[in-house]
Amino acid sequence: MKNKLDANGLWQTKFLLPEHKEALIRDSHHVENWRGNRPEIDPQERELIMRVLMESLGQQTVAQFRLYDPYEECAVIGIVERVDPYTRTFMVDGERFKMADIIGATAV
């Protein structure tokens, strides 16, 4: 148990009951186990992704890219401005993304 004087000049007491501590630990493990695994992309899908990427870059067409994120679904919609083969990144609306994170692509 810790006592300290807060900004209002009042004493504030903070403590954590053992069952609350166990619940916090259990919830943090649940979040770690919930994380999604990176899906395996087959060669055909990889070819389609690269085709959409290069078409958007060359013909200035709008494309949608689904990106891998372990906690949520992410998508980038826009025209590809630049592709950097050395860093394996692409740029949409001035923002850089990793090509390895693309798990799906469609021309819009």
C-alpha atoms as a PDB file:
ATOM      1  CA  MET A   1       0.000   0.000   0.000  1.00  0.00           C
ATOM      2  CA  LYS A   2       1.372   3.412  -0.998  1.00  0.00           C
ATOM      3  CA  ASN A   3       0.389   6.776   0.416  1.00  0.00           C
ATOM      4  CA  LYS A   4       1.189  10.003  -1.337  1.00  0.00           C
ATOM      5  CA  LEU A   5       0.040  13.546  -1.445  1.00  0.00           C
ATOM      6  CA  ASP A   6      -1.716  14.320  -4.754  1.00  0.00           C
ATOM      7  CA  ALA A   7      -1.959  17.679  -6.549  1.00  0.00           C
ATOM      8  CA  ASN A   8      -5.004  18.763  -4.486  1.00  0.00           C
ATOM      9  CA  GLY A   9      -3.118  18.399  -1.235  1.00  0.00           C
ATOM     10  CA  LEU A  10      -5.226  15.369  -0.256  1.00  0.00           C
ATOM     11  CA  TRP A  11      -3.803  12.008   0.713  1.00  0.00           C
ATOM     12  CA  GLN A  12      -4.434   9.339  -1.872  1.00  0.00           C
ATOM     13  CA  THR A  13      -4.214   5.610  -1.170  1.00  0.00           C
ATOM     14  CA  LYS A  14      -3.555   3.051  -3.906  1.00  0.00           C
ATOM     15  CA  PHE A  15      -3.498  -0.679  -3.443  1.00  0.00           C
ATOM     16  CA  LEU A  16      -4.143  -3.760  -5.526  1.00  0.00           C
ATOM     17  CA  LEU A  17      -5.974  -6.776  -4.174  1.00  0.00           C
ATOM     18  CA  PRO A  18      -4.420 -10.172  -5.021  1.00  0.00           C
ATOM     19  CA  GLU A  19      -7.482 -11.233  -7.057  1.00  0.00           C
ATOM     20  CA  HIS A  20      -7.296  -8.010  -9.085  1.00  0.00           C
ATOM     21  CA  LYS A  21      -3.602  -8.602  -9.738  1.00  0.00           C
ATOM     22  CA  GLU A  22      -4.355 -12.158 -10.937  1.00  0.00           C
ATOM     23  CA  ALA A  23      -7.106 -10.851 -13.231  1.00  0.00           C
ATOM     24  CA  LEU A  24      -4.728  -8.279 -14.769  1.00  0.00           C
ATOM     25  CA  ILE A  25      -2.094 -10.944 -15.392  1.00  0.00           C
ATOM     26  CA  ARG A  26      -4.701 -13.306 -16.880  1.00  0.00           C
ATOM     27  CA  ASP A  27      -6.059 -10.560 -19.180  1.00  0.00           C
ATOM     28  CA  SER A  28      -2.583  -9.616 -20.408  1.00  0.00           C
ATOM     29  CA  HIS A  29      -1.929 -13.269 -21.335  1.00  0.00           C
ATOM     30  CA  HIS A  30      -5.305 -13.369 -23.108  1.00  0.00           C
ATOM     31  CA  VAL A  31      -4.338 -10.365 -25.234  1.00  0.00           C
ATOM     32  CA  GLU A  32      -1.008 -11.972 -26.164  1.00  0.00           C
ATOM     33  CA  ASN A  33      -2.730 -15.227 -27.166  1.00  0.00           C
ATOM     34  CA  TRP A  34      -5.359 -13.334 -29.182  1.00  0.00           C
ATOM     35  CA  ARG A  35      -2.825 -11.778 -31.528  1.00  0.00           C
ATOM     36  CA  GLY A  36      -3.371 -12.925 -35.087  1.00  0.00           C
ATOM     37  CA  ASN A  37      -0.634 -14.788 -36.891  1.00  0.00           C
ATOM     38  CA  ARG A  38       0.687 -13.493 -40.189  1.00  0.00           C
ATOM     39  CA  PRO A  39      -1.156 -15.376 -42.954  1.00  0.00           C
ATOM     40  CA  GLU A  40       0.858 -17.301 -45.515  1.00  0.00           C
ATOM     41  CA  ILE A  41       0.519 -15.771 -49.009  1.00  0.00           C
ATOM     42  CA  ASP A  42       0.625 -18.212 -51.935  1.00  0.00           C
ATOM     43  CA  PRO A  43       2.611 -17.327 -55.091  1.00  0.00           C
ATOM     44  CA  GLN A  44      -0.530 -16.605 -57.142  1.00  0.00           C
ATOM     45  CA  GLU A  45      -1.826 -14.104 -54.573  1.00  0.00           C
ATOM     46  CA  ARG A  46       1.659 -12.533 -54.318  1.00  0.00           C
ATOM     47  CA  GLU A  47       1.653 -12.072 -58.120  1.00  0.00           C
ATOM     48  CA  LEU A  48      -1.795 -10.420 -57.995  1.00  0.00           C
ATOM     49  CA  ILE A  49      -0.618  -8.083 -55.211  1.00  0.00           C
ATOM     50  CA  MET A  50       2.431  -7.025 -57.248  1.00  0.00           C
ATOM     51  CA  ARG A  51       0.296  -6.538 -60.368  1.00  0.00           C
ATOM     52  CA  VAL A  52      -2.129  -4.238 -58.502  1.00  0.00           C
ATOM     53  CA  LEU A  53       0.785  -2.375 -56.905  1.00  0.00           C
ATOM     54  CA  MET A  54       2.554  -1.749 -60.218  1.00  0.00           C
ATOM     55  CA  GLU A  55      -0.685  -0.897 -62.052  1.00  0.00           C
ATOM     56  CA  SER A  56      -1.519   1.716 -59.427  1.00  0.00           C
ATOM     57  CA  LEU A  57       1.988   3.151 -59.686  1.00  0.00           C
ATOM     58  CA  GLY A  58       2.169   3.184 -63.496  1.00  0.00           C
ATOM     59  CA  GLN A  59      -1.396   4.100 -64.450  1.00  0.00           C
ATOM     60  CA  GLN A  60      -2.233   6.210 -61.382  1.00  0.00           C
ATOM     61  CA  THR A  61      -5.259   4.056 -60.500  1.00  0.00           C
ATOM     62  CA  VAL A  62      -6.733   3.745 -57.022  1.00  0.00           C
ATOM     63  CA  ALA A  63      -5.962   0.480 -55.239  1.00  0.00           C
ATOM     64  CA  GLN A  64      -6.838  -1.055 -51.884  1.00  0.00           C
ATOM     65  CA  PHE A  65      -4.245  -2.996 -49.922  1.00  0.00           C
ATOM     66  CA  ARG A  66      -5.075  -5.095 -46.880  1.00  0.00           C
ATOM     67  CA  LEU A  67      -2.164  -5.003 -44.446  1.00  0.00           C
ATOM     68  CA  TYR A  68      -1.199  -7.422 -41.710  1.00  0.00           C
ATOM     69  CA  ASP A  69      -1.574  -6.139 -38.163  1.00  0.00           C
ATOM     70  CA  PRO A  70      -1.695  -8.545 -35.211  1.00  0.00           C
ATOM     71  CA  TYR A  71      -4.449  -6.602 -33.404  1.00  0.00           C
ATOM     72  CA  GLU A  72      -6.788  -5.151 -36.033  1.00  0.00           C
ATOM     73  CA  GLU A  73      -7.699  -5.167 -39.701  1.00  0.00           C
ATOM     74  CA  CYS A  74      -5.839  -2.476 -41.636  1.00  0.00           C
ATOM     75  CA  ALA A  75      -6.313  -1.226 -45.166  1.00  0.00           C
ATOM     76  CA  VAL A  76      -4.676   1.421 -47.323  1.00  0.00           C
ATOM     77  CA  ILE A  77      -6.699   2.944 -50.148  1.00  0.00           C
ATOM     78  CA  GLY A  78      -5.131   5.312 -52.635  1.00  0.00           C
ATOM     79  CA  ILE A  79      -2.733   5.733 -55.530  1.00  0.00           C
ATOM     80  CA  VAL A  80       0.764   4.315 -55.120  1.00  0.00           C
ATOM     81  CA  GLU A  81       3.223   7.208 -55.428  1.00  0.00           C
ATOM     82  CA  ARG A  82       6.503   5.347 -55.073  1.00  0.00           C
ATOM     83  CA  VAL A  83       7.882   1.812 -54.760  1.00  0.00           C
ATOM     84  CA  ASP A  84      11.339   1.345 -53.270  1.00  0.00           C
ATOM     85  CA  PRO A  85      12.717  -2.103 -54.153  1.00  0.00           C
ATOM     86  CA  TYR A  86      15.732  -1.701 -51.838  1.00  0.00           C
ATOM     87  CA  THR A  87      13.757  -1.114 -48.654  1.00  0.00           C
ATOM     88  CA  ARG A  88      10.770  -3.119 -50.000  1.00  0.00           C
ATOM     89  CA  THR A  89       8.345  -0.321 -49.168  1.00  0.00           C
ATOM     90  CA  PHE A  90       5.675   1.583 -51.056  1.00  0.00           C
ATOM     91  CA  MET A  91       4.193   5.016 -50.511  1.00  0.00           C
ATOM     92  CA  VAL A  92       0.531   6.105 -50.574  1.00  0.00           C
ATOM     93  CA  ASP A  93      -0.470   9.682 -49.685  1.00  0.00           C
ATOM     94  CA  GLY A  94       3.018  10.412 -48.387  1.00  0.00           C
ATOM     95  CA  GLU A  95       2.959   7.501 -45.960  1.00  0.00           C
ATOM     96  CA  ARG A  96       5.348   4.557 -46.271  1.00  0.00           C
ATOM     97  CA  PHE A  97       4.259   0.911 -45.842  1.00  0.00           C
ATOM     98  CA  LYS A  98       6.135  -2.401 -45.972  1.00  0.00           C
ATOM     99  CA  MET A  99       5.400  -4.603 -48.974  1.00  0.00           C
ATOM    100  CA  ALA A 100       5.840  -7.656 -46.737  1.00  0.00           C
ATOM    101  CA  ASP A 101       2.790  -6.538 -44.729  1.00  0.00           C
ATOM    102  CA  ILE A 102       0.438  -6.711 -47.741  1.00  0.00           C
ATOM    103  CA  ILE A 103      -1.934  -9.675 -47.408  1.00  0.00           C
ATOM    104  CA  GLY A 104      -4.370  -8.719 -50.169  1.00  0.00           C
ATOM    105  CA  ALA A 105      -4.866  -6.173 -52.934  1.00  0.00           C
ATOM    106  CA  THR A 106      -7.645  -5.081 -55.256  1.00  0.00           C
ATOM    107  CA  ALA A 107      -7.931  -2.389 -57.910  1.00  0.00           C
ATOM    108  CA  VAL A 108     -10.728   0.016 -57.014  1.00  0.00           C
END
